[in-house]
C-alpha atoms as a PDB file:
ATOM      1  CA  MET A   1      29.540 187.125  71.439  1.00  0.00           C
ATOM      2  CA  SER A   2      28.374 184.166  73.530  1.00  0.00           C
ATOM      3  CA  VAL A   3      31.282 181.961  74.657  1.00  0.00           C
ATOM      4  CA  LYS A   4      31.095 178.386  75.867  1.00  0.00           C
ATOM      5  CA  ILE A   5      33.655 176.261  77.649  1.00  0.00           C
ATOM      6  CA  ARG A   6      33.305 172.787  76.177  1.00  0.00           C
ATOM      7  CA  LEU A   7      35.105 169.653  75.086  1.00  0.00           C
ATOM      8  CA  GLN A   8      36.557 169.188  71.632  1.00  0.00           C
ATOM      9  CA  ARG A   9      37.060 165.564  70.676  1.00  0.00           C
ATOM     10  CA  HIS A  10      40.398 164.173  69.493  1.00  0.00           C
ATOM     11  CA  GLY A  11      42.093 160.775  69.814  1.00  0.00           C
ATOM     12  CA  LYS A  12      41.333 157.437  68.164  1.00  0.00           C
ATOM     13  CA  LYS A  13      38.163 155.465  67.596  1.00  0.00           C
ATOM     14  CA  GLN A  14      36.812 154.108  70.908  1.00  0.00           C
ATOM     15  CA  LYS A  15      39.677 155.903  72.693  1.00  0.00           C
ATOM     16  CA  PRO A  16      38.616 159.546  72.832  1.00  0.00           C
ATOM     17  CA  PHE A  17      40.846 162.320  74.060  1.00  0.00           C
ATOM     18  CA  TYR A  18      39.392 165.785  74.624  1.00  0.00           C
ATOM     19  CA  TRP A  19      40.643 169.341  74.607  1.00  0.00           C
ATOM     20  CA  ILE A  20      38.952 171.763  76.973  1.00  0.00           C
ATOM     21  CA  VAL A  21      38.421 174.912  74.946  1.00  0.00           C
ATOM     22  CA  ALA A  22      36.695 178.270  75.084  1.00  0.00           C
ATOM     23  CA  ALA A  23      34.820 178.677  71.803  1.00  0.00           C
ATOM     24  CA  ASP A  24      32.087 180.712  70.150  1.00  0.00           C
ATOM     25  CA  ALA A  25      28.746 179.084  70.965  1.00  0.00           C
ATOM     26  CA  ARG A  26      27.841 179.231  67.251  1.00  0.00           C
ATOM     27  CA  SER A  27      30.864 177.247  66.078  1.00  0.00           C
ATOM     28  CA  LYS A  28      30.845 173.480  65.581  1.00  0.00           C
ATOM     29  CA  ARG A  29      31.903 171.197  68.386  1.00  0.00           C
ATOM     30  CA  ASP A  30      35.208 170.280  66.732  1.00  0.00           C
ATOM     31  CA  GLY A  31      35.559 173.534  64.833  1.00  0.00           C
ATOM     32  CA  ARG A  32      37.459 176.723  65.574  1.00  0.00           C
ATOM     33  CA  TYR A  33      38.010 177.750  69.168  1.00  0.00           C
ATOM     34  CA  LEU A  34      39.208 180.875  70.942  1.00  0.00           C
ATOM     35  CA  GLU A  35      41.616 179.281  73.423  1.00  0.00           C
ATOM     36  CA  LYS A  36      42.645 175.864  74.615  1.00  0.00           C
ATOM     37  CA  ILE A  37      42.635 175.778  78.413  1.00  0.00           C
ATOM     38  CA  GLY A  38      43.231 172.108  79.170  1.00  0.00           C
ATOM     39  CA  THR A  39      42.887 168.416  78.277  1.00  0.00           C
ATOM     40  CA  TYR A  40      40.721 165.567  79.514  1.00  0.00           C
ATOM     41  CA  ASN A  41      41.589 161.878  79.115  1.00  0.00           C
ATOM     42  CA  PRO A  42      38.776 159.509  80.228  1.00  0.00           C
ATOM     43  CA  ASN A  43      40.738 156.362  79.280  1.00  0.00           C
ATOM     44  CA  THR A  44      42.588 156.254  82.618  1.00  0.00           C
ATOM     45  CA  ASN A  45      41.210 155.469  86.064  1.00  0.00           C
ATOM     46  CA  PRO A  46      40.807 158.004  87.574  1.00  0.00           C
ATOM     47  CA  ALA A  47      40.498 160.252  84.519  1.00  0.00           C
ATOM     48  CA  THR A  48      43.480 162.466  83.739  1.00  0.00           C
ATOM     49  CA  ILE A  49      42.696 166.187  83.668  1.00  0.00           C
ATOM     50  CA  ASP A  50      45.183 168.930  82.893  1.00  0.00           C
ATOM     51  CA  LEU A  51      43.622 172.371  83.336  1.00  0.00           C
ATOM     52  CA  ASN A  52      45.003 175.900  83.290  1.00  0.00           C
ATOM     53  CA  LEU A  53      43.122 177.049  86.376  1.00  0.00           C
ATOM     54  CA  ASP A  54      43.763 180.787  85.996  1.00  0.00           C
ATOM     55  CA  GLN A  55      42.718 180.871  82.330  1.00  0.00           C
ATOM     56  CA  ALA A  56      39.581 178.861  83.056  1.00  0.00           C
ATOM     57  CA  VAL A  57      38.604 181.196  85.914  1.00  0.00           C
ATOM     58  CA  GLN A  58      39.296 184.229  83.709  1.00  0.00           C
ATOM     59  CA  TRP A  59      36.885 182.953  81.056  1.00  0.00           C
ATOM     60  CA  LEU A  60      34.299 182.347  83.779  1.00  0.00           C
ATOM     61  CA  HIS A  61      34.801 185.933  84.949  1.00  0.00           C
ATOM     62  CA  ASN A  62      34.192 187.087  81.364  1.00  0.00           C
ATOM     63  CA  GLY A  63      30.842 185.309  81.267  1.00  0.00           C
ATOM     64  CA  ALA A  64      31.717 182.044  79.471  1.00  0.00           C
ATOM     65  CA  GLN A  65      29.169 179.287  80.133  1.00  0.00           C
ATOM     66  CA  PRO A  66      30.490 175.729  80.534  1.00  0.00           C
ATOM     67  CA  THR A  67      28.603 172.707  79.206  1.00  0.00           C
ATOM     68  CA  ASP A  68      27.499 170.080  81.741  1.00  0.00           C
ATOM     69  CA  THR A  69      30.593 167.922  81.265  1.00  0.00           C
ATOM     70  CA  ALA A  70      32.906 170.921  81.259  1.00  0.00           C
ATOM     71  CA  ARG A  71      31.233 172.247  84.427  1.00  0.00           C
ATOM     72  CA  ALA A  72      31.879 168.900  86.183  1.00  0.00           C
ATOM     73  CA  ILE A  73      35.548 169.064  85.151  1.00  0.00           C
ATOM     74  CA  LEU A  74      35.923 172.687  86.280  1.00  0.00           C
ATOM     75  CA  SER A  75      34.300 171.829  89.601  1.00  0.00           C
ATOM     76  CA  TYR A  76      36.582 168.806  90.016  1.00  0.00           C
ATOM     77  CA  LYS A  77      39.700 170.926  89.466  1.00  0.00           C
ATOM     78  CA  GLY A  78      38.576 173.828  91.674  1.00  0.00           C
ATOM     79  CA  ALA A  79      37.915 176.410  88.947  1.00  0.00           C
ATOM     80  CA  LEU A  80      34.332 176.972  90.082  1.00  0.00           C
ATOM     81  CA  MET A  81      35.503 177.229  93.700  1.00  0.00           C
ATOM     82  CA  LYS A  82      38.073 179.881  92.786  1.00  0.00           C
ATOM     83  CA  HIS A  83      35.504 181.743  90.698  1.00  0.00           C
ATOM     84  CA  HIS A  84      33.155 181.781  93.692  1.00  0.00           C
ATOM     85  CA  LEU A  85      35.883 182.986  96.087  1.00  0.00           C
ATOM     86  CA  ASP A  86      36.974 185.720  93.664  1.00  0.00           C
ATOM     87  CA  GLY A  87      33.382 186.931  93.620  1.00  0.00           C
ATOM     88  CA  GLY A  88      33.461 187.147  97.428  1.00  0.00           C
ATOM     89  CA  VAL A  89      36.711 189.151  97.247  1.00  0.00           C
ATOM     90  CA  ARG A  90      35.165 191.608  94.773  1.00  0.00           C
ATOM     91  CA  LYS A  91      32.187 192.097  97.061  1.00  0.00           C
ATOM     92  CA  GLY A  92      34.461 192.585 100.085  1.00  0.00           C
ATOM     93  CA  ALA A  93      33.160 189.536 101.934  1.00  0.00           C
ATOM     94  CA  LEU A  94      36.727 188.267 102.444  1.00  0.00           C
ATOM     95  CA  THR A  95      40.280 189.242 101.620  1.00  0.00           C
ATOM     96  CA  GLN A  96      42.412 187.788  98.852  1.00  0.00           C
ATOM     97  CA  GLU A  97      44.603 186.016 101.411  1.00  0.00           C
ATOM     98  CA  GLN A  98      41.566 184.369 102.979  1.00  0.00           C
ATOM     99  CA  ALA A  99      40.330 183.313  99.562  1.00  0.00           C
ATOM    100  CA  ASP A 100      43.731 181.856  98.679  1.00  0.00           C
ATOM    101  CA  THR A 101      43.879 179.988 102.001  1.00  0.00           C
ATOM    102  CA  LYS A 102      40.415 178.487 101.487  1.00  0.00           C
ATOM    103  CA  LEU A 103      41.253 177.499  97.926  1.00  0.00           C
ATOM    104  CA  ALA A 104      44.543 175.857  99.002  1.00  0.00           C
ATOM    105  CA  ALA A 105      42.759 173.890 101.746  1.00  0.00           C
ATOM    106  CA  TRP A 106      40.070 172.796  99.290  1.00  0.00           C
ATOM    107  CA  LEU A 107      42.640 171.680  96.699  1.00  0.00           C
ATOM    108  CA  GLU A 108      44.624 169.799  99.342  1.00  0.00           C
ATOM    109  CA  ASP A 109      41.510 167.973 100.533  1.00  0.00           C
ATOM    110  CA  LYS A 110      40.602 167.130  96.941  1.00  0.00           C
ATOM    111  CA  ALA A 111      44.116 165.833  96.236  1.00  0.00           C
ATOM    112  CA  GLY A 112      43.893 163.641  99.356  1.00  0.00           C
ATOM    113  CA  LYS A 113      40.641 162.114  98.135  1.00  0.00           C
ATOM    114  CA  VAL A 114      42.146 161.461  94.706  1.00  0.00           C
ATOM    115  CA  ASP A 115      45.208 159.818  96.250  1.00  0.00           C
ATOM    116  CA  THR A 116      42.979 157.629  98.430  1.00  0.00           C
ATOM    117  CA  LYS A 117      41.007 156.533  95.390  1.00  0.00           C
ATOM    118  CA  LYS A 118      44.217 155.717  93.512  1.00  0.00           C
ATOM    119  CA  GLU A 119      45.484 153.687  96.476  1.00  0.00           C
ATOM    120  CA  VAL A 120      42.228 151.720  96.691  1.00  0.00           C
ATOM    121  CA  LEU A 121      42.338 151.028  92.948  1.00  0.00           C
ATOM    122  CA  SER A 122      45.972 149.988  93.174  1.00  0.00           C
ATOM    123  CA  LYS A 123      45.216 147.524  95.991  1.00  0.00           C
ATOM    124  CA  ALA A 124      42.267 146.132  94.061  1.00  0.00           C
ATOM    125  CA  GLN A 125      44.425 145.624  90.974  1.00  0.00           C
ATOM    126  CA  GLU A 126      47.119 143.954  93.077  1.00  0.00           C
ATOM    127  CA  ALA A 127      44.531 141.619  94.609  1.00  0.00           C
ATOM    128  CA  VAL A 128      43.293 140.702  91.133  1.00  0.00           C
ATOM    129  CA  LYS A 129      46.863 139.942  90.024  1.00  0.00           C
ATOM    130  CA  VAL A 130      47.509 137.755  93.078  1.00  0.00           C
ATOM    131  CA  LYS A 131      44.268 135.868  92.481  1.00  0.00           C
ATOM    132  CA  ALA A 132      45.145 135.359  88.818  1.00  0.00           C
ATOM    133  CA  LEU A 133      48.615 134.052  89.746  1.00  0.00           C
ATOM    134  CA  LYS A 134      47.125 131.578  92.228  1.00  0.00           C
ATOM    135  CA  ALA A 135      44.635 130.337  89.646  1.00  0.00           C
ATOM    136  CA  GLU A 136      47.424 129.954  87.087  1.00  0.00           C
ATOM    137  CA  LYS A 137      49.553 128.017  89.592  1.00  0.00           C
ATOM    138  CA  VAL A 138      46.676 125.641  90.358  1.00  0.00           C
ATOM    139  CA  ALA A 139      46.082 125.093  86.634  1.00  0.00           C
ATOM    140  CA  ASN A 140      49.796 124.406  86.049  1.00  0.00           C
ATOM    141  CA  ASP A 141      49.867 121.895  88.933  1.00  0.00           C
ATOM    142  CA  LYS A 142      46.844 120.097  87.484  1.00  0.00           C
ATOM    143  CA  ARG A 143      48.468 119.935  84.036  1.00  0.00           C
ATOM    144  CA  ALA A 144      51.700 118.577  85.527  1.00  0.00           C
ATOM    145  CA  ALA A 145      49.824 115.913  87.524  1.00  0.00           C
ATOM    146  CA  ALA A 146      47.860 114.896  84.426  1.00  0.00           C
ATOM    147  CA  ALA A 147      51.091 114.594  82.423  1.00  0.00           C
ATOM    148  CA  VAL A 148      52.678 112.384  85.095  1.00  0.00           C
ATOM    149  CA  GLU A 149      49.589 110.160  85.219  1.00  0.00           C
ATOM    150  CA  ALA A 150      49.546 109.847  81.418  1.00  0.00           C
ATOM    151  CA  ALA A 151      53.230 108.873  81.436  1.00  0.00           C
ATOM    152  CA  LYS A 152      52.539 106.158  84.033  1.00  0.00           C
ATOM    153  CA  VAL A 153      49.634 104.759  82.003  1.00  0.00           C
ATOM    154  CA  GLU A 154      51.776 104.686  78.853  1.00  0.00           C
ATOM    155  CA  GLU A 155      54.591 102.904  80.684  1.00  0.00           C
ATOM    156  CA  VAL A 156      52.210 100.220  82.013  1.00  0.00           C
ATOM    157  CA  ALA A 157      50.744  99.719  78.522  1.00  0.00           C
ATOM    158  CA  GLU A 158      54.201  99.243  76.998  1.00  0.00           C
ATOM    159  CA  GLN A 159      55.111  96.705  79.686  1.00  0.00           C
ATOM    160  CA  VAL A 160      51.937  94.702  79.004  1.00  0.00           C
ATOM    161  CA  VAL A 161      52.677  94.643  75.263  1.00  0.00           C
ATOM    162  CA  VAL A 162      56.210  93.372  75.903  1.00  0.00           C
ATOM    163  CA  GLU A 163      54.965  90.599  78.212  1.00  0.00           C
ATOM    164  CA  GLU A 164      52.331  89.469  75.665  1.00  0.00           C
ATOM    165  CA  THR A 165      54.970  89.326  72.912  1.00  0.00           C
ATOM    166  CA  GLU A 166      57.375  87.159  74.955  1.00  0.00           C
ATOM    167  CA  ALA A 167      54.698  84.685  76.221  1.00  0.00           C
ATOM    168  CA  PRO A 168      54.243  82.492  72.991  1.00  0.00           C
ATOM    169  CA  GLU A 169      58.013  81.917  72.692  1.00  0.00           C
ATOM    170  CA  ALA A 170      58.181  80.702  76.283  1.00  0.00           C
ATOM    171  CA  VAL A 171      55.252  78.304  75.713  1.00  0.00           C
ATOM    172  CA  ALA A 172      56.983  76.781  72.628  1.00  0.00           C
ATOM    173  CA  GLU A 173      60.207  76.197  74.510  1.00  0.00           C
ATOM    174  CA  VAL A 174      58.330  74.481  77.339  1.00  0.00           C
ATOM    175  CA  ALA A 175      56.526  72.138  74.887  1.00  0.00           C
ATOM    176  CA  ILE A 176      59.791  71.034  73.296  1.00  0.00           C
ATOM    177  CA  GLU A 177      61.410  70.350  76.644  1.00  0.00           C
ATOM    178  CA  GLU A 178      58.413  68.273  77.839  1.00  0.00           C
ATOM    179  CA  ASN A 179      58.328  65.889  74.719  1.00  0.00           C
ATOM    180  CA  PRO A 180      61.892  65.278  73.462  1.00  0.00           C
ATOM    181  CA  ALA A 181      61.185  61.598  72.455  1.00  0.00           C
ATOM    182  CA  ALA A 182      58.691  62.661  69.792  1.00  0.00           C
ATOM    183  CA  GLU A 183      61.274  64.866  68.147  1.00  0.00           C
ATOM    184  CA  VAL A 184      63.861  62.033  68.129  1.00  0.00           C
ATOM    185  CA  ALA A 185      61.403  59.522  66.665  1.00  0.00           C
ATOM    186  CA  THR A 186      60.487  61.977  63.932  1.00  0.00           C
ATOM    187  CA  GLU A 187      64.109  62.362  62.899  1.00  0.00           C
ATOM    188  CA  GLU A 188      65.067  58.587  63.055  1.00  0.00           C
ATOM    189  CA  ALA A 189      62.031  56.916  61.415  1.00  0.00           C
ATOM    190  CA  PRO A 190      62.820  57.659  57.744  1.00  0.00           C
ATOM    191  CA  VAL A 191      66.389  56.339  58.078  1.00  0.00           C
ATOM    192  CA  ALA A 192      65.206  52.944  59.399  1.00  0.00           C
ATOM    193  CA  GLU A 193      62.763  52.460  56.519  1.00  0.00           C
ATOM    194  CA  VAL A 194      65.416  53.128  53.913  1.00  0.00           C
ATOM    195  CA  THR A 195      67.838  50.676  55.536  1.00  0.00           C
ATOM    196  CA  GLU A 196      65.343  47.744  55.548  1.00  0.00           C
ATOM    197  CA  GLU A 197      64.080  48.183  51.992  1.00  0.00           C
ATOM    198  CA  ALA A 198      67.476  48.437  50.301  1.00  0.00           C
ATOM    199  CA  PRO A 199      68.509  44.644  50.382  1.00  0.00           C
ATOM    200  CA  ALA A 200      65.165  43.518  48.975  1.00  0.00           C
ATOM    201  CA  ALA A 201      65.673  45.656  45.946  1.00  0.00           C
ATOM    202  CA  GLU A 202      69.120  44.183  45.338  1.00  0.00           C
ATOM    203  CA  GLU A 203      67.829  40.547  45.535  1.00  0.00           C
ATOM    204  CA  ALA A 204      65.142  41.227  42.963  1.00  0.00           C
ATOM    205  CA  SER A 205      67.734  42.565  40.631  1.00  0.00           C
ATOM    206  CA  GLU A 206      69.937  39.481  40.870  1.00  0.00           C
ATOM    207  CA  GLU A 207      67.043  37.042  40.125  1.00  0.00           C
ATOM    208  CA  LYS A 208      66.234  38.876  36.907  1.00  0.00           C
ATOM    209  CA  GLU A 209      69.822  38.527  35.639  1.00  0.00           C
ATOM    210  CA  ALA A 210      69.889  34.778  36.326  1.00  0.00           C
END
């Protein structure tokens, strides 16, 4: 039976999550499998890989062929390196202790590279956050300045309206103060006319009776 080490898709739409499985080469991609040996989550940066190293190497020893993506994952996690060193031990090229020492050094170096990448990504994300905060602060300052300016303009407009409303009343008062004689003449004229015409009417009445 031909065995392949491949990815089996799980997860949600547009957010895939994969199982790393050893399966019969004739089975469907998401069908039955012989053993689950790890998981692969590409939604994180860097990608999260959880692999049972010993089980993966054992399947490689048994002749399982990984797909291209699975081979990259196995290489990333050191499974191919361990498989290669185990072959050297079987051939007598090196001892098991030497193989273990080389594998440990390789894994340590790989972990250091991964940590460096995480640190660089973390600094980049922090720089992006700081830049976003500065931009937000500038935008808030501009909005506050615009609000203050609008309030000043509104206050000036209200003051102008008040001054225009009070101006006609002041003009009327000034006109009255400047021409008081006209007002007095207007009030006294009708009274004088009535006083002069009244005796004439009485005399006409007396002549008729006589």
